[in-house]
Amino acid sequence: MAENDWTSATEYIQRAFHLVDEFEILVAAWQTHATAWRLYIHAKEQQKAEAQRERAESCILKIANSFAPDEPLRASFLAAGPVRRVLRDKVLDNAKH
């Protein structure tokens, strides 16, 4: 994507999907789905983009929920910029209550 080679980017994302689906690696999975989200936004495929954002969000929440609610690492993870972009702050607001 950084080189504007969208065909190759799509191929690499598909390879990454295969790996994260086969091995259930949540840290890699949320990043893969977040990257696909950006790719589909660029391609103006809004439904696919939102589906990928939701999958990234699901992975993020599984990771966050693996920590105790008062665990500082949980708060740090949820506060990270890339995570906040996927969660769009709404989930963070709900998690605080």
C-alpha atoms as a PDB file:
ATOM      1  CA  MET A   1       0.000   0.000   0.000  1.00  0.00           C
ATOM      2  CA  ALA A   2       2.888   2.345   0.811  1.00  0.00           C
ATOM      3  CA  GLU A   3       4.050   2.049  -2.799  1.00  0.00           C
ATOM      4  CA  ASN A   4       0.523   2.441  -4.193  1.00  0.00           C
ATOM      5  CA  ASP A   5       0.698  -1.089  -5.586  1.00  0.00           C
ATOM      6  CA  TRP A   6      -2.892  -1.971  -4.763  1.00  0.00           C
ATOM      7  CA  THR A   7      -2.890  -5.275  -6.652  1.00  0.00           C
ATOM      8  CA  SER A   8       0.052  -6.588  -4.646  1.00  0.00           C
ATOM      9  CA  ALA A   9      -1.408  -5.163  -1.444  1.00  0.00           C
ATOM     10  CA  THR A  10      -4.602  -7.125  -2.044  1.00  0.00           C
ATOM     11  CA  GLU A  11      -2.626 -10.313  -2.694  1.00  0.00           C
ATOM     12  CA  TYR A  12      -0.569  -9.862   0.487  1.00  0.00           C
ATOM     13  CA  ILE A  13      -3.685  -9.214   2.556  1.00  0.00           C
ATOM     14  CA  GLN A  14      -5.234 -12.421   1.238  1.00  0.00           C
ATOM     15  CA  ARG A  15      -2.102 -14.340   2.260  1.00  0.00           C
ATOM     16  CA  ALA A  16      -2.217 -12.747   5.698  1.00  0.00           C
ATOM     17  CA  PHE A  17      -5.896 -13.696   6.079  1.00  0.00           C
ATOM     18  CA  HIS A  18      -4.976 -17.306   5.395  1.00  0.00           C
ATOM     19  CA  LEU A  19      -2.314 -17.263   8.117  1.00  0.00           C
ATOM     20  CA  VAL A  20      -4.320 -15.501  10.808  1.00  0.00           C
ATOM     21  CA  ASP A  21      -7.363 -17.672  10.116  1.00  0.00           C
ATOM     22  CA  GLU A  22      -5.324 -20.865  10.225  1.00  0.00           C
ATOM     23  CA  PHE A  23      -3.388 -20.094  13.389  1.00  0.00           C
ATOM     24  CA  GLU A  24      -5.639 -17.606  15.258  1.00  0.00           C
ATOM     25  CA  ILE A  25      -2.943 -15.089  16.087  1.00  0.00           C
ATOM     26  CA  LEU A  26      -5.005 -12.241  17.532  1.00  0.00           C
ATOM     27  CA  VAL A  27      -2.246  -9.620  17.532  1.00  0.00           C
ATOM     28  CA  ALA A  28      -1.507 -10.238  13.867  1.00  0.00           C
ATOM     29  CA  ALA A  29      -5.194 -10.708  13.030  1.00  0.00           C
ATOM     30  CA  TRP A  30      -6.382  -7.321  14.251  1.00  0.00           C
ATOM     31  CA  GLN A  31      -3.573  -5.594  12.352  1.00  0.00           C
ATOM     32  CA  THR A  32      -4.313  -7.589   9.198  1.00  0.00           C
ATOM     33  CA  HIS A  33      -8.004  -6.733   9.337  1.00  0.00           C
ATOM     34  CA  ALA A  34      -7.223  -3.079  10.084  1.00  0.00           C
ATOM     35  CA  THR A  35      -4.942  -2.982   7.040  1.00  0.00           C
ATOM     36  CA  ALA A  36      -7.657  -4.585   4.915  1.00  0.00           C
ATOM     37  CA  TRP A  37     -10.081  -1.953   6.238  1.00  0.00           C
ATOM     38  CA  ARG A  38      -7.818   0.804   4.925  1.00  0.00           C
ATOM     39  CA  LEU A  39      -7.335  -1.055   1.637  1.00  0.00           C
ATOM     40  CA  TYR A  40     -11.095  -1.395   1.072  1.00  0.00           C
ATOM     41  CA  ILE A  41     -11.682   2.244   2.004  1.00  0.00           C
ATOM     42  CA  HIS A  42      -9.178   3.188  -0.685  1.00  0.00           C
ATOM     43  CA  ALA A  43     -10.980   0.885  -3.148  1.00  0.00           C
ATOM     44  CA  LYS A  44     -14.283   2.570  -2.191  1.00  0.00           C
ATOM     45  CA  GLU A  45     -15.743  -0.752  -1.057  1.00  0.00           C
ATOM     46  CA  GLN A  46     -17.436   0.515   2.088  1.00  0.00           C
ATOM     47  CA  GLN A  47     -19.241  -2.691   3.083  1.00  0.00           C
ATOM     48  CA  LYS A  48     -16.068  -4.748   2.854  1.00  0.00           C
ATOM     49  CA  ALA A  49     -14.176  -2.020   4.680  1.00  0.00           C
ATOM     50  CA  GLU A  50     -16.620  -1.932   7.573  1.00  0.00           C
ATOM     51  CA  ALA A  51     -16.657  -5.739   7.803  1.00  0.00           C
ATOM     52  CA  GLN A  52     -12.876  -5.715   8.151  1.00  0.00           C
ATOM     53  CA  ARG A  53     -12.976  -2.936  10.735  1.00  0.00           C
ATOM     54  CA  GLU A  54     -15.481  -4.968  12.741  1.00  0.00           C
ATOM     55  CA  ARG A  55     -13.256  -8.058  12.566  1.00  0.00           C
ATOM     56  CA  ALA A  56     -10.282  -5.980  13.734  1.00  0.00           C
ATOM     57  CA  GLU A  57     -12.412  -4.584  16.563  1.00  0.00           C
ATOM     58  CA  SER A  58     -13.439  -8.087  17.614  1.00  0.00           C
ATOM     59  CA  CYS A  59      -9.803  -9.208  17.811  1.00  0.00           C
ATOM     60  CA  ILE A  60      -8.837  -6.081  19.744  1.00  0.00           C
ATOM     61  CA  LEU A  61     -11.586  -6.647  22.296  1.00  0.00           C
ATOM     62  CA  LYS A  62     -10.578 -10.300  22.740  1.00  0.00           C
ATOM     63  CA  ILE A  63      -7.025  -9.170  23.459  1.00  0.00           C
ATOM     64  CA  ALA A  64      -8.186  -6.414  25.826  1.00  0.00           C
ATOM     65  CA  ASN A  65     -10.545  -8.756  27.646  1.00  0.00           C
ATOM     66  CA  SER A  66      -7.732 -11.227  28.238  1.00  0.00           C
ATOM     67  CA  PHE A  67      -6.415  -8.700  30.788  1.00  0.00           C
ATOM     68  CA  ALA A  68      -8.032  -7.886  34.108  1.00  0.00           C
ATOM     69  CA  PRO A  69     -10.174  -4.720  33.901  1.00  0.00           C
ATOM     70  CA  ASP A  70      -7.747  -2.777  36.096  1.00  0.00           C
ATOM     71  CA  GLU A  71      -4.586  -4.062  34.382  1.00  0.00           C
ATOM     72  CA  PRO A  72      -2.461  -1.109  33.168  1.00  0.00           C
ATOM     73  CA  LEU A  73      -1.447  -3.023  30.016  1.00  0.00           C
ATOM     74  CA  ARG A  74      -5.118  -3.266  29.037  1.00  0.00           C
ATOM     75  CA  ALA A  75      -5.526   0.492  29.333  1.00  0.00           C
ATOM     76  CA  SER A  76      -2.288   1.127  27.415  1.00  0.00           C
ATOM     77  CA  PHE A  77      -3.320  -1.234  24.623  1.00  0.00           C
ATOM     78  CA  LEU A  78      -6.761   0.355  24.279  1.00  0.00           C
ATOM     79  CA  ALA A  79      -5.243   3.846  24.313  1.00  0.00           C
ATOM     80  CA  ALA A  80      -2.792   3.149  21.470  1.00  0.00           C
ATOM     81  CA  GLY A  81      -3.465   5.260  18.377  1.00  0.00           C
ATOM     82  CA  PRO A  82      -3.938   2.409  15.875  1.00  0.00           C
ATOM     83  CA  VAL A  83      -6.295   0.637  18.278  1.00  0.00           C
ATOM     84  CA  ARG A  84      -8.313   3.803  18.912  1.00  0.00           C
ATOM     85  CA  ARG A  85      -8.702   4.351  15.156  1.00  0.00           C
ATOM     86  CA  VAL A  86     -10.241   0.904  14.761  1.00  0.00           C
ATOM     87  CA  LEU A  87     -12.424   1.262  17.828  1.00  0.00           C
ATOM     88  CA  ARG A  88     -13.410   4.803  16.848  1.00  0.00           C
ATOM     89  CA  ASP A  89     -13.473   5.875  20.499  1.00  0.00           C
ATOM     90  CA  LYS A  90     -17.093   4.690  20.938  1.00  0.00           C
ATOM     91  CA  VAL A  91     -16.025   1.321  22.283  1.00  0.00           C
ATOM     92  CA  LEU A  92     -13.555   2.989  24.620  1.00  0.00           C
ATOM     93  CA  ASP A  93     -16.281   5.205  26.031  1.00  0.00           C
ATOM     94  CA  ASN A  94     -18.510   2.166  26.624  1.00  0.00           C
ATOM     95  CA  ALA A  95     -15.663   0.228  28.251  1.00  0.00           C
ATOM     96  CA  LYS A  96     -15.129   2.957  30.838  1.00  0.00           C
ATOM     97  CA  HIS A  97     -18.699   2.657  32.114  1.00  0.00           C
END
